[in-house]
């Protein structure tokens, strides 16, 4: 059974464009490693510029194996260079029962 994740990436100052480029490769990399479903990820932005990504791991085991996969680890290091990983609850939009976000790139 698939497991959905909501990941939030707050760009470091001046690195929003770089973050968007890494996010654009994220799902394809996970897919090529056999870790996520073929269902495309959904990427959005919050008011403060944080990127929100929703995607589906194939299983809990696949999400755990990403932590020891060298290809994924290399990509996650790129994420760490350009953003901070923040909790969903830190976004102002989540104060509402119906959080609204804009699609990334629009």
PDB file of N, CA and C in Angstrom:
ATOM      1  N   UNK A   1       0.841  -1.184   0.000  1.00  0.00           N
ATOM      2  CA  UNK A   1       0.000   0.000   0.000  1.00  0.00           C
ATOM      3  C   UNK A   1       0.881   1.241   0.000  1.00  0.00           C
ATOM      4  N   UNK A   2       0.534   2.207  -0.828  1.00  0.00           N
ATOM      5  CA  UNK A   2       1.293   3.443  -0.923  1.00  0.00           C
ATOM      6  C   UNK A   2       1.141   4.308   0.310  1.00  0.00           C
ATOM      7  N   UNK A   3       2.135   5.134   0.551  1.00  0.00           N
ATOM      8  CA  UNK A   3       2.153   6.064   1.675  1.00  0.00           C
ATOM      9  C   UNK A   3       2.402   7.464   1.121  1.00  0.00           C
ATOM     10  N   UNK A   4       1.454   8.365   1.345  1.00  0.00           N
ATOM     11  CA  UNK A   4       1.632   9.742   0.888  1.00  0.00           C
ATOM     12  C   UNK A   4       2.451  10.529   1.899  1.00  0.00           C
ATOM     13  N   UNK A   5       3.251  11.431   1.388  1.00  0.00           N
ATOM     14  CA  UNK A   5       4.046  12.313   2.229  1.00  0.00           C
ATOM     15  C   UNK A   5       3.826  13.744   1.752  1.00  0.00           C
ATOM     16  N   UNK A   6       3.827  14.659   2.704  1.00  0.00           N
ATOM     17  CA  UNK A   6       3.790  16.087   2.408  1.00  0.00           C
ATOM     18  C   UNK A   6       5.107  16.649   2.928  1.00  0.00           C
ATOM     19  N   UNK A   7       5.956  17.080   2.019  1.00  0.00           N
ATOM     20  CA  UNK A   7       7.271  17.604   2.383  1.00  0.00           C
ATOM     21  C   UNK A   7       7.297  19.109   2.137  1.00  0.00           C
ATOM     22  N   UNK A   8       7.940  19.830   3.042  1.00  0.00           N
ATOM     23  CA  UNK A   8       8.002  21.290   2.933  1.00  0.00           C
ATOM     24  C   UNK A   8       9.459  21.740   2.924  1.00  0.00           C
ATOM     25  N   UNK A   9       9.789  22.521   1.908  1.00  0.00           N
ATOM     26  CA  UNK A   9      11.160  22.979   1.691  1.00  0.00           C
ATOM     27  C   UNK A   9      11.178  24.511   1.669  1.00  0.00           C
ATOM     28  N   UNK A  10      11.785  25.124   2.678  1.00  0.00           N
ATOM     29  CA  UNK A  10      11.884  26.588   2.715  1.00  0.00           C
ATOM     30  C   UNK A  10      13.224  26.997   2.099  1.00  0.00           C
ATOM     31  N   UNK A  11      13.189  27.744   0.988  1.00  0.00           N
ATOM     32  CA  UNK A  11      14.450  28.091   0.323  1.00  0.00           C
ATOM     33  C   UNK A  11      15.343  28.965   1.198  1.00  0.00           C
ATOM     34  N   UNK A  12      16.626  28.702   1.126  1.00  0.00           N
ATOM     35  CA  UNK A  12      17.586  29.579   1.787  1.00  0.00           C
ATOM     36  C   UNK A  12      17.641  30.878   0.984  1.00  0.00           C
ATOM     37  N   UNK A  13      18.018  31.994   1.626  1.00  0.00           N
ATOM     38  CA  UNK A  13      18.001  33.292   0.941  1.00  0.00           C
ATOM     39  C   UNK A  13      18.726  33.252  -0.404  1.00  0.00           C
ATOM     40  N   UNK A  14      18.013  33.716  -1.429  1.00  0.00           N
ATOM     41  CA  UNK A  14      18.574  33.811  -2.767  1.00  0.00           C
ATOM     42  C   UNK A  14      18.641  32.502  -3.536  1.00  0.00           C
ATOM     43  N   UNK A  15      18.107  31.408  -2.977  1.00  0.00           N
ATOM     44  CA  UNK A  15      18.240  30.100  -3.616  1.00  0.00           C
ATOM     45  C   UNK A  15      16.907  29.481  -4.040  1.00  0.00           C
ATOM     46  N   UNK A  16      15.853  30.288  -4.128  1.00  0.00           N
ATOM     47  CA  UNK A  16      14.540  29.755  -4.517  1.00  0.00           C
ATOM     48  C   UNK A  16      14.580  29.121  -5.905  1.00  0.00           C
ATOM     49  N   UNK A  17      15.247  29.754  -6.845  1.00  0.00           N
ATOM     50  CA  UNK A  17      15.334  29.208  -8.201  1.00  0.00           C
ATOM     51  C   UNK A  17      16.067  27.866  -8.194  1.00  0.00           C
ATOM     52  N   UNK A  18      17.142  27.784  -7.441  1.00  0.00           N
ATOM     53  CA  UNK A  18      17.893  26.532  -7.330  1.00  0.00           C
ATOM     54  C   UNK A  18      17.037  25.445  -6.688  1.00  0.00           C
ATOM     55  N   UNK A  19      16.276  25.815  -5.665  1.00  0.00           N
ATOM     56  CA  UNK A  19      15.384  24.846  -5.025  1.00  0.00           C
ATOM     57  C   UNK A  19      14.373  24.314  -6.024  1.00  0.00           C
ATOM     58  N   UNK A  20      13.773  25.190  -6.798  1.00  0.00           N
ATOM     59  CA  UNK A  20      12.781  24.746  -7.786  1.00  0.00           C
ATOM     60  C   UNK A  20      13.384  23.740  -8.763  1.00  0.00           C
ATOM     61  N   UNK A  21      14.640  23.945  -9.138  1.00  0.00           N
ATOM     62  CA  UNK A  21      15.310  23.017 -10.058  1.00  0.00           C
ATOM     63  C   UNK A  21      15.514  21.649  -9.414  1.00  0.00           C
ATOM     64  N   UNK A  22      15.851  21.621  -8.139  1.00  0.00           N
ATOM     65  CA  UNK A  22      16.033  20.345  -7.442  1.00  0.00           C
ATOM     66  C   UNK A  22      14.688  19.645  -7.279  1.00  0.00           C
ATOM     67  N   UNK A  23      13.667  20.397  -6.889  1.00  0.00           N
ATOM     68  CA  UNK A  23      12.325  19.816  -6.735  1.00  0.00           C
ATOM     69  C   UNK A  23      11.853  19.220  -8.057  1.00  0.00           C
ATOM     70  N   UNK A  24      12.160  19.879  -9.158  1.00  0.00           N
ATOM     71  CA  UNK A  24      11.728  19.400 -10.477  1.00  0.00           C
ATOM     72  C   UNK A  24      12.309  18.022 -10.798  1.00  0.00           C
ATOM     73  N   UNK A  25      13.449  17.676 -10.216  1.00  0.00           N
ATOM     74  CA  UNK A  25      14.081  16.370 -10.459  1.00  0.00           C
ATOM     75  C   UNK A  25      13.747  15.329  -9.398  1.00  0.00           C
ATOM     76  N   UNK A  26      13.162  15.751  -8.293  1.00  0.00           N
ATOM     77  CA  UNK A  26      12.993  14.873  -7.138  1.00  0.00           C
ATOM     78  C   UNK A  26      12.171  13.622  -7.454  1.00  0.00           C
ATOM     79  N   UNK A  27      10.944  13.807  -7.924  1.00  0.00           N
ATOM     80  CA  UNK A  27      10.068  12.656  -8.154  1.00  0.00           C
ATOM     81  C   UNK A  27      10.653  11.714  -9.196  1.00  0.00           C
ATOM     82  N   UNK A  28      11.184  12.262 -10.277  1.00  0.00           N
ATOM     83  CA  UNK A  28      11.764  11.412 -11.329  1.00  0.00           C
ATOM     84  C   UNK A  28      12.919  10.574 -10.786  1.00  0.00           C
ATOM     85  N   UNK A  29      13.714  11.153  -9.907  1.00  0.00           N
ATOM     86  CA  UNK A  29      14.822  10.406  -9.305  1.00  0.00           C
ATOM     87  C   UNK A  29      14.295   9.278  -8.430  1.00  0.00           C
ATOM     88  N   UNK A  30      13.321   9.593  -7.579  1.00  0.00           N
ATOM     89  CA  UNK A  30      12.743   8.559  -6.715  1.00  0.00           C
ATOM     90  C   UNK A  30      12.086   7.463  -7.543  1.00  0.00           C
ATOM     91  N   UNK A  31      11.436   7.853  -8.631  1.00  0.00           N
ATOM     92  CA  UNK A  31      10.777   6.885  -9.515  1.00  0.00           C
ATOM     93  C   UNK A  31      11.816   5.981 -10.181  1.00  0.00           C
ATOM     94  N   UNK A  32      12.900   6.564 -10.652  1.00  0.00           N
ATOM     95  CA  UNK A  32      13.936   5.761 -11.320  1.00  0.00           C
ATOM     96  C   UNK A  32      14.593   4.777 -10.356  1.00  0.00           C
ATOM     97  N   UNK A  33      14.551   5.080  -9.077  1.00  0.00           N
ATOM     98  CA  UNK A  33      15.106   4.188  -8.060  1.00  0.00           C
ATOM     99  C   UNK A  33      14.072   3.179  -7.553  1.00  0.00           C
ATOM    100  N   UNK A  34      12.850   3.229  -8.118  1.00  0.00           N
ATOM    101  CA  UNK A  34      11.811   2.269  -7.748  1.00  0.00           C
ATOM    102  C   UNK A  34      11.217   2.482  -6.372  1.00  0.00           C
ATOM    103  N   UNK A  35      11.173   3.742  -5.919  1.00  0.00           N
ATOM    104  CA  UNK A  35      10.734   4.039  -4.560  1.00  0.00           C
ATOM    105  C   UNK A  35       9.352   4.672  -4.458  1.00  0.00           C
ATOM    106  N   UNK A  36       8.888   5.284  -5.539  1.00  0.00           N
ATOM    107  CA  UNK A  36       7.605   5.983  -5.509  1.00  0.00           C
ATOM    108  C   UNK A  36       6.706   5.481  -6.628  1.00  0.00           C
ATOM    109  N   UNK A  37       5.420   5.797  -6.500  1.00  0.00           N
ATOM    110  CA  UNK A  37       4.466   5.424  -7.544  1.00  0.00           C
ATOM    111  C   UNK A  37       4.656   6.324  -8.763  1.00  0.00           C
ATOM    112  N   UNK A  38       4.087   5.909  -9.871  1.00  0.00           N
ATOM    113  CA  UNK A  38       4.161   6.698 -11.103  1.00  0.00           C
ATOM    114  C   UNK A  38       3.238   7.910 -11.063  1.00  0.00           C
ATOM    115  N   UNK A  39       2.374   7.969 -10.062  1.00  0.00           N
ATOM    116  CA  UNK A  39       1.488   9.129  -9.896  1.00  0.00           C
ATOM    117  C   UNK A  39       2.358  10.377  -9.750  1.00  0.00           C
ATOM    118  N   UNK A  40       2.191  11.385 -10.610  1.00  0.00           N
ATOM    119  CA  UNK A  40       3.038  12.585 -10.515  1.00  0.00           C
ATOM    120  C   UNK A  40       2.910  13.267  -9.155  1.00  0.00           C
ATOM    121  N   UNK A  41       3.993  13.865  -8.721  1.00  0.00           N
ATOM    122  CA  UNK A  41       3.940  14.629  -7.479  1.00  0.00           C
ATOM    123  C   UNK A  41       3.173  15.921  -7.730  1.00  0.00           C
ATOM    124  N   UNK A  42       2.701  16.507  -6.655  1.00  0.00           N
ATOM    125  CA  UNK A  42       2.040  17.809  -6.698  1.00  0.00           C
ATOM    126  C   UNK A  42       2.967  18.778  -5.982  1.00  0.00           C
ATOM    127  N   UNK A  43       3.317  19.876  -6.643  1.00  0.00           N
ATOM    128  CA  UNK A  43       4.204  20.859  -6.037  1.00  0.00           C
ATOM    129  C   UNK A  43       3.506  22.209  -5.980  1.00  0.00           C
ATOM    130  N   UNK A  44       3.608  22.825  -4.815  1.00  0.00           N
ATOM    131  CA  UNK A  44       2.909  24.079  -4.543  1.00  0.00           C
ATOM    132  C   UNK A  44       3.841  25.020  -3.796  1.00  0.00           C
ATOM    133  N   UNK A  45       3.438  26.276  -3.702  1.00  0.00           N
ATOM    134  CA  UNK A  45       4.185  27.235  -2.892  1.00  0.00           C
ATOM    135  C   UNK A  45       3.254  27.890  -1.887  1.00  0.00           C
ATOM    136  N   UNK A  46       3.829  28.216  -0.742  1.00  0.00           N
ATOM    137  CA  UNK A  46       3.088  28.937   0.285  1.00  0.00           C
ATOM    138  C   UNK A  46       3.368  30.430   0.138  1.00  0.00           C
ATOM    139  N   UNK A  47       2.656  31.216   0.925  1.00  0.00           N
ATOM    140  CA  UNK A  47       2.838  32.675   0.882  1.00  0.00           C
ATOM    141  C   UNK A  47       4.280  33.083   1.136  1.00  0.00           C
ATOM    142  N   UNK A  48       4.956  32.347   2.021  1.00  0.00           N
ATOM    143  CA  UNK A  48       6.325  32.730   2.382  1.00  0.00           C
ATOM    144  C   UNK A  48       7.381  32.139   1.450  1.00  0.00           C
ATOM    145  N   UNK A  49       6.942  31.477   0.372  1.00  0.00           N
ATOM    146  CA  UNK A  49       7.870  30.922  -0.601  1.00  0.00           C
ATOM    147  C   UNK A  49       8.279  29.484  -0.355  1.00  0.00           C
ATOM    148  N   UNK A  50       7.797  28.896   0.735  1.00  0.00           N
ATOM    149  CA  UNK A  50       8.096  27.490   1.008  1.00  0.00           C
ATOM    150  C   UNK A  50       7.450  26.625  -0.062  1.00  0.00           C
ATOM    151  N   UNK A  51       8.199  25.662  -0.568  1.00  0.00           N
ATOM    152  CA  UNK A  51       7.683  24.724  -1.560  1.00  0.00           C
ATOM    153  C   UNK A  51       7.110  23.527  -0.815  1.00  0.00           C
ATOM    154  N   UNK A  52       5.898  23.146  -1.192  1.00  0.00           N
ATOM    155  CA  UNK A  52       5.218  21.987  -0.606  1.00  0.00           C
ATOM    156  C   UNK A  52       5.104  20.937  -1.702  1.00  0.00           C
ATOM    157  N   UNK A  53       5.578  19.739  -1.416  1.00  0.00           N
ATOM    158  CA  UNK A  53       5.528  18.647  -2.384  1.00  0.00           C
ATOM    159  C   UNK A  53       4.764  17.475  -1.779  1.00  0.00           C
ATOM    160  N   UNK A  54       3.817  16.941  -2.541  1.00  0.00           N
ATOM    161  CA  UNK A  54       3.054  15.763  -2.127  1.00  0.00           C
ATOM    162  C   UNK A  54       3.355  14.652  -3.125  1.00  0.00           C
ATOM    163  N   UNK A  55       3.774  13.511  -2.606  1.00  0.00           N
ATOM    164  CA  UNK A  55       4.032  12.366  -3.486  1.00  0.00           C
ATOM    165  C   UNK A  55       3.760  11.076  -2.729  1.00  0.00           C
ATOM    166  N   UNK A  56       3.788   9.959  -3.460  1.00  0.00           N
ATOM    167  CA  UNK A  56       3.425   8.668  -2.880  1.00  0.00           C
ATOM    168  C   UNK A  56       4.591   7.686  -2.917  1.00  0.00           C
ATOM    169  N   UNK A  57       5.089   7.337  -1.736  1.00  0.00           N
ATOM    170  CA  UNK A  57       6.048   6.238  -1.633  1.00  0.00           C
ATOM    171  C   UNK A  57       5.317   4.946  -1.968  1.00  0.00           C
ATOM    172  N   UNK A  58       6.015   3.968  -2.518  1.00  0.00           N
ATOM    173  CA  UNK A  58       5.384   2.677  -2.797  1.00  0.00           C
ATOM    174  C   UNK A  58       4.976   1.970  -1.511  1.00  0.00           C
ATOM    175  N   UNK A  59       5.747   2.175  -0.442  1.00  0.00           N
ATOM    176  CA  UNK A  59       5.474   1.530   0.847  1.00  0.00           C
ATOM    177  C   UNK A  59       6.292   2.239   1.922  1.00  0.00           C
ATOM    178  N   UNK A  60       6.035   1.896   3.163  1.00  0.00           N
ATOM    179  CA  UNK A  60       6.867   2.421   4.255  1.00  0.00           C
ATOM    180  C   UNK A  60       8.317   1.966   4.075  1.00  0.00           C
ATOM    181  N   UNK A  61       8.464   0.728   3.614  1.00  0.00           N
ATOM    182  CA  UNK A  61       9.807   0.188   3.407  1.00  0.00           C
ATOM    183  C   UNK A  61      10.573   0.988   2.346  1.00  0.00           C
ATOM    184  N   UNK A  62       9.880   1.369   1.277  1.00  0.00           N
ATOM    185  CA  UNK A  62      10.571   2.146   0.237  1.00  0.00           C
ATOM    186  C   UNK A  62      10.982   3.514   0.766  1.00  0.00           C
ATOM    187  N   UNK A  63      10.157   4.112   1.618  1.00  0.00           N
ATOM    188  CA  UNK A  63      10.541   5.408   2.191  1.00  0.00           C
ATOM    189  C   UNK A  63      11.767   5.253   3.086  1.00  0.00           C
ATOM    190  N   UNK A  64      11.847   4.156   3.810  1.00  0.00           N
ATOM    191  CA  UNK A  64      13.004   3.919   4.671  1.00  0.00           C
ATOM    192  C   UNK A  64      14.256   3.605   3.848  1.00  0.00           C
ATOM    193  N   UNK A  65      14.095   2.853   2.761  1.00  0.00           N
ATOM    194  CA  UNK A  65      15.268   2.484   1.962  1.00  0.00           C
ATOM    195  C   UNK A  65      15.875   3.693   1.252  1.00  0.00           C
ATOM    196  N   UNK A  66      15.092   4.752   1.068  1.00  0.00           N
ATOM    197  CA  UNK A  66      15.637   5.974   0.465  1.00  0.00           C
ATOM    198  C   UNK A  66      16.783   6.541   1.303  1.00  0.00           C
ATOM    199  N   UNK A  67      16.739   6.288   2.599  1.00  0.00           N
ATOM    200  CA  UNK A  67      17.753   6.827   3.506  1.00  0.00           C
ATOM    201  C   UNK A  67      19.110   6.140   3.367  1.00  0.00           C
ATOM    202  N   UNK A  68      19.150   5.026   2.650  1.00  0.00           N
ATOM    203  CA  UNK A  68      20.422   4.335   2.417  1.00  0.00           C
ATOM    204  C   UNK A  68      20.747   4.226   0.926  1.00  0.00           C
ATOM    205  N   UNK A  69      19.938   4.876   0.093  1.00  0.00           N
ATOM    206  CA  UNK A  69      20.141   4.831  -1.352  1.00  0.00           C
ATOM    207  C   UNK A  69      21.096   5.963  -1.745  1.00  0.00           C
ATOM    208  N   UNK A  70      22.258   5.651  -2.328  1.00  0.00           N
ATOM    209  CA  UNK A  70      23.235   6.704  -2.634  1.00  0.00           C
ATOM    210  C   UNK A  70      22.747   7.749  -3.633  1.00  0.00           C
ATOM    211  N   UNK A  71      21.926   7.355  -4.589  1.00  0.00           N
ATOM    212  CA  UNK A  71      21.405   8.313  -5.578  1.00  0.00           C
ATOM    213  C   UNK A  71      20.473   9.303  -4.888  1.00  0.00           C
ATOM    214  N   UNK A  72      19.594   8.784  -4.054  1.00  0.00           N
ATOM    215  CA  UNK A  72      18.651   9.640  -3.323  1.00  0.00           C
ATOM    216  C   UNK A  72      19.400  10.515  -2.329  1.00  0.00           C
ATOM    217  N   UNK A  73      20.358   9.941  -1.633  1.00  0.00           N
ATOM    218  CA  UNK A  73      21.128  10.721  -0.666  1.00  0.00           C
ATOM    219  C   UNK A  73      21.856  11.889  -1.332  1.00  0.00           C
ATOM    220  N   UNK A  74      22.379  11.671  -2.521  1.00  0.00           N
ATOM    221  CA  UNK A  74      23.049  12.759  -3.252  1.00  0.00           C
ATOM    222  C   UNK A  74      22.067  13.879  -3.572  1.00  0.00           C
ATOM    223  N   UNK A  75      20.867  13.517  -3.990  1.00  0.00           N
ATOM    224  CA  UNK A  75      19.857  14.530  -4.296  1.00  0.00           C
ATOM    225  C   UNK A  75      19.426  15.252  -3.025  1.00  0.00           C
ATOM    226  N   UNK A  76      19.248  14.514  -1.947  1.00  0.00           N
ATOM    227  CA  UNK A  76      18.846  15.144  -0.691  1.00  0.00           C
ATOM    228  C   UNK A  76      19.932  16.087  -0.175  1.00  0.00           C
ATOM    229  N   UNK A  77      21.185  15.816  -0.483  1.00  0.00           N
ATOM    230  CA  UNK A  77      22.255  16.749  -0.128  1.00  0.00           C
ATOM    231  C   UNK A  77      22.108  18.053  -0.912  1.00  0.00           C
ATOM    232  N   UNK A  78      21.673  17.945  -2.160  1.00  0.00           N
ATOM    233  CA  UNK A  78      21.400  19.155  -2.947  1.00  0.00           C
ATOM    234  C   UNK A  78      20.270  19.951  -2.304  1.00  0.00           C
ATOM    235  N   UNK A  79      19.216  19.247  -1.851  1.00  0.00           N
ATOM    236  CA  UNK A  79      18.131  19.926  -1.137  1.00  0.00           C
ATOM    237  C   UNK A  79      18.692  20.674   0.071  1.00  0.00           C
ATOM    238  N   UNK A  80      19.505  20.007   0.870  1.00  0.00           N
ATOM    239  CA  UNK A  80      20.039  20.605   2.096  1.00  0.00           C
ATOM    240  C   UNK A  80      20.868  21.852   1.806  1.00  0.00           C
ATOM    241  N   UNK A  81      21.492  21.912   0.639  1.00  0.00           N
ATOM    242  CA  UNK A  81      22.293  23.083   0.262  1.00  0.00           C
ATOM    243  C   UNK A  81      21.414  24.297  -0.026  1.00  0.00           C
ATOM    244  N   UNK A  82      20.201  24.066  -0.549  1.00  0.00           N
ATOM    245  CA  UNK A  82      19.372  25.179  -1.025  1.00  0.00           C
ATOM    246  C   UNK A  82      18.138  25.456  -0.172  1.00  0.00           C
ATOM    247  N   UNK A  83      17.851  24.594   0.816  1.00  0.00           N
ATOM    248  CA  UNK A  83      16.635  24.813   1.603  1.00  0.00           C
ATOM    249  C   UNK A  83      16.766  24.237   3.001  1.00  0.00           C
ATOM    250  N   UNK A  84      15.799  24.604   3.820  1.00  0.00           N
ATOM    251  CA  UNK A  84      15.614  23.980   5.126  1.00  0.00           C
ATOM    252  C   UNK A  84      14.335  23.166   5.049  1.00  0.00           C
ATOM    253  N   UNK A  85      14.337  21.991   5.659  1.00  0.00           N
ATOM    254  CA  UNK A  85      13.141  21.160   5.724  1.00  0.00           C
ATOM    255  C   UNK A  85      12.336  21.639   6.925  1.00  0.00           C
ATOM    256  N   UNK A  86      11.087  22.016   6.692  1.00  0.00           N
ATOM    257  CA  UNK A  86      10.270  22.583   7.767  1.00  0.00           C
ATOM    258  C   UNK A  86       8.977  21.791   7.918  1.00  0.00           C
ATOM    259  N   UNK A  87       8.388  21.804   9.120  1.00  0.00           N
ATOM    260  CA  UNK A  87       7.126  21.089   9.317  1.00  0.00           C
ATOM    261  C   UNK A  87       5.972  21.784   8.594  1.00  0.00           C
ATOM    262  N   UNK A  88       5.045  21.006   8.120  1.00  0.00           N
ATOM    263  CA  UNK A  88       3.849  21.545   7.470  1.00  0.00           C
ATOM    264  C   UNK A  88       3.149  22.539   8.390  1.00  0.00           C
ATOM    265  N   UNK A  89       3.096  22.233   9.677  1.00  0.00           N
ATOM    266  CA  UNK A  89       2.407  23.095  10.639  1.00  0.00           C
ATOM    267  C   UNK A  89       3.048  24.472  10.769  1.00  0.00           C
ATOM    268  N   UNK A  90       4.267  24.653  10.270  1.00  0.00           N
ATOM    269  CA  UNK A  90       4.924  25.960  10.359  1.00  0.00           C
ATOM    270  C   UNK A  90       4.412  26.941   9.309  1.00  0.00           C
ATOM    271  N   UNK A  91       3.621  26.459   8.362  1.00  0.00           N
ATOM    272  CA  UNK A  91       3.108  27.320   7.297  1.00  0.00           C
ATOM    273  C   UNK A  91       1.822  28.000   7.734  1.00  0.00           C
ATOM    274  N   UNK A  92       1.742  29.297   7.491  1.00  0.00           N
ATOM    275  CA  UNK A  92       0.570  30.087   7.881  1.00  0.00           C
ATOM    276  C   UNK A  92      -0.719  29.485   7.321  1.00  0.00           C
ATOM    277  N   UNK A  93      -0.645  28.945   6.110  1.00  0.00           N
ATOM    278  CA  UNK A  93      -1.835  28.400   5.448  1.00  0.00           C
ATOM    279  C   UNK A  93      -2.487  27.281   6.256  1.00  0.00           C
ATOM    280  N   UNK A  94      -1.715  26.582   7.066  1.00  0.00           N
ATOM    281  CA  UNK A  94      -2.274  25.444   7.807  1.00  0.00           C
ATOM    282  C   UNK A  94      -3.089  25.869   9.021  1.00  0.00           C
ATOM    283  N   UNK A  95      -3.145  27.167   9.291  1.00  0.00           N
ATOM    284  CA  UNK A  95      -4.000  27.656  10.369  1.00  0.00           C
ATOM    285  C   UNK A  95      -5.468  27.533   9.996  1.00  0.00           C
ATOM    286  N   UNK A  96      -5.750  27.389   8.724  1.00  0.00           N
ATOM    287  CA  UNK A  96      -7.117  27.262   8.212  1.00  0.00           C
ATOM    288  C   UNK A  96      -7.449  25.790   8.011  1.00  0.00           C
ATOM    289  N   UNK A  97      -8.718  25.454   8.178  1.00  0.00           N
ATOM    290  CA  UNK A  97      -9.159  24.074   7.932  1.00  0.00           C
ATOM    291  C   UNK A  97      -8.979  23.692   6.463  1.00  0.00           C
ATOM    292  N   UNK A  98      -8.992  24.674   5.585  1.00  0.00           N
ATOM    293  CA  UNK A  98      -8.841  24.436   4.149  1.00  0.00           C
ATOM    294  C   UNK A  98      -7.663  25.273   3.645  1.00  0.00           C
ATOM    295  N   UNK A  99      -6.472  24.725   3.784  1.00  0.00           N
ATOM    296  CA  UNK A  99      -5.254  25.445   3.404  1.00  0.00           C
ATOM    297  C   UNK A  99      -5.183  25.595   1.889  1.00  0.00           C
ATOM    298  N   UNK A 100      -4.877  26.802   1.443  1.00  0.00           N
ATOM    299  CA  UNK A 100      -4.759  27.085   0.012  1.00  0.00           C
ATOM    300  C   UNK A 100      -3.305  27.394  -0.339  1.00  0.00           C
ATOM    301  N   UNK A 101      -2.853  26.820  -1.449  1.00  0.00           N
ATOM    302  CA  UNK A 101      -1.504  27.039  -1.951  1.00  0.00           C
ATOM    303  C   UNK A 101      -1.586  27.305  -3.444  1.00  0.00           C
ATOM    304  N   UNK A 102      -0.549  27.928  -3.988  1.00  0.00           N
ATOM    305  CA  UNK A 102      -0.463  28.130  -5.440  1.00  0.00           C
ATOM    306  C   UNK A 102       0.377  27.016  -6.039  1.00  0.00           C
ATOM    307  N   UNK A 103       0.040  26.624  -7.266  1.00  0.00           N
ATOM    308  CA  UNK A 103       0.835  25.610  -7.966  1.00  0.00           C
ATOM    309  C   UNK A 103       2.223  26.187  -8.232  1.00  0.00           C
ATOM    310  N   UNK A 104       3.251  25.404  -8.009  1.00  0.00           N
ATOM    311  CA  UNK A 104       4.620  25.849  -8.251  1.00  0.00           C
ATOM    312  C   UNK A 104       4.788  26.205  -9.721  1.00  0.00           C
ATOM    313  N   UNK A 105       5.375  27.370  -9.972  1.00  0.00           N
ATOM    314  CA  UNK A 105       5.647  27.786 -11.342  1.00  0.00           C
ATOM    315  C   UNK A 105       4.548  28.595 -11.989  1.00  0.00           C
ATOM    316  N   UNK A 106       3.500  28.893 -11.274  1.00  0.00           N
ATOM    317  CA  UNK A 106       2.422  29.701 -11.876  1.00  0.00           C
ATOM    318  C   UNK A 106       2.400  31.078 -11.279  1.00  0.00           C
TER     319      UNK A 106
END
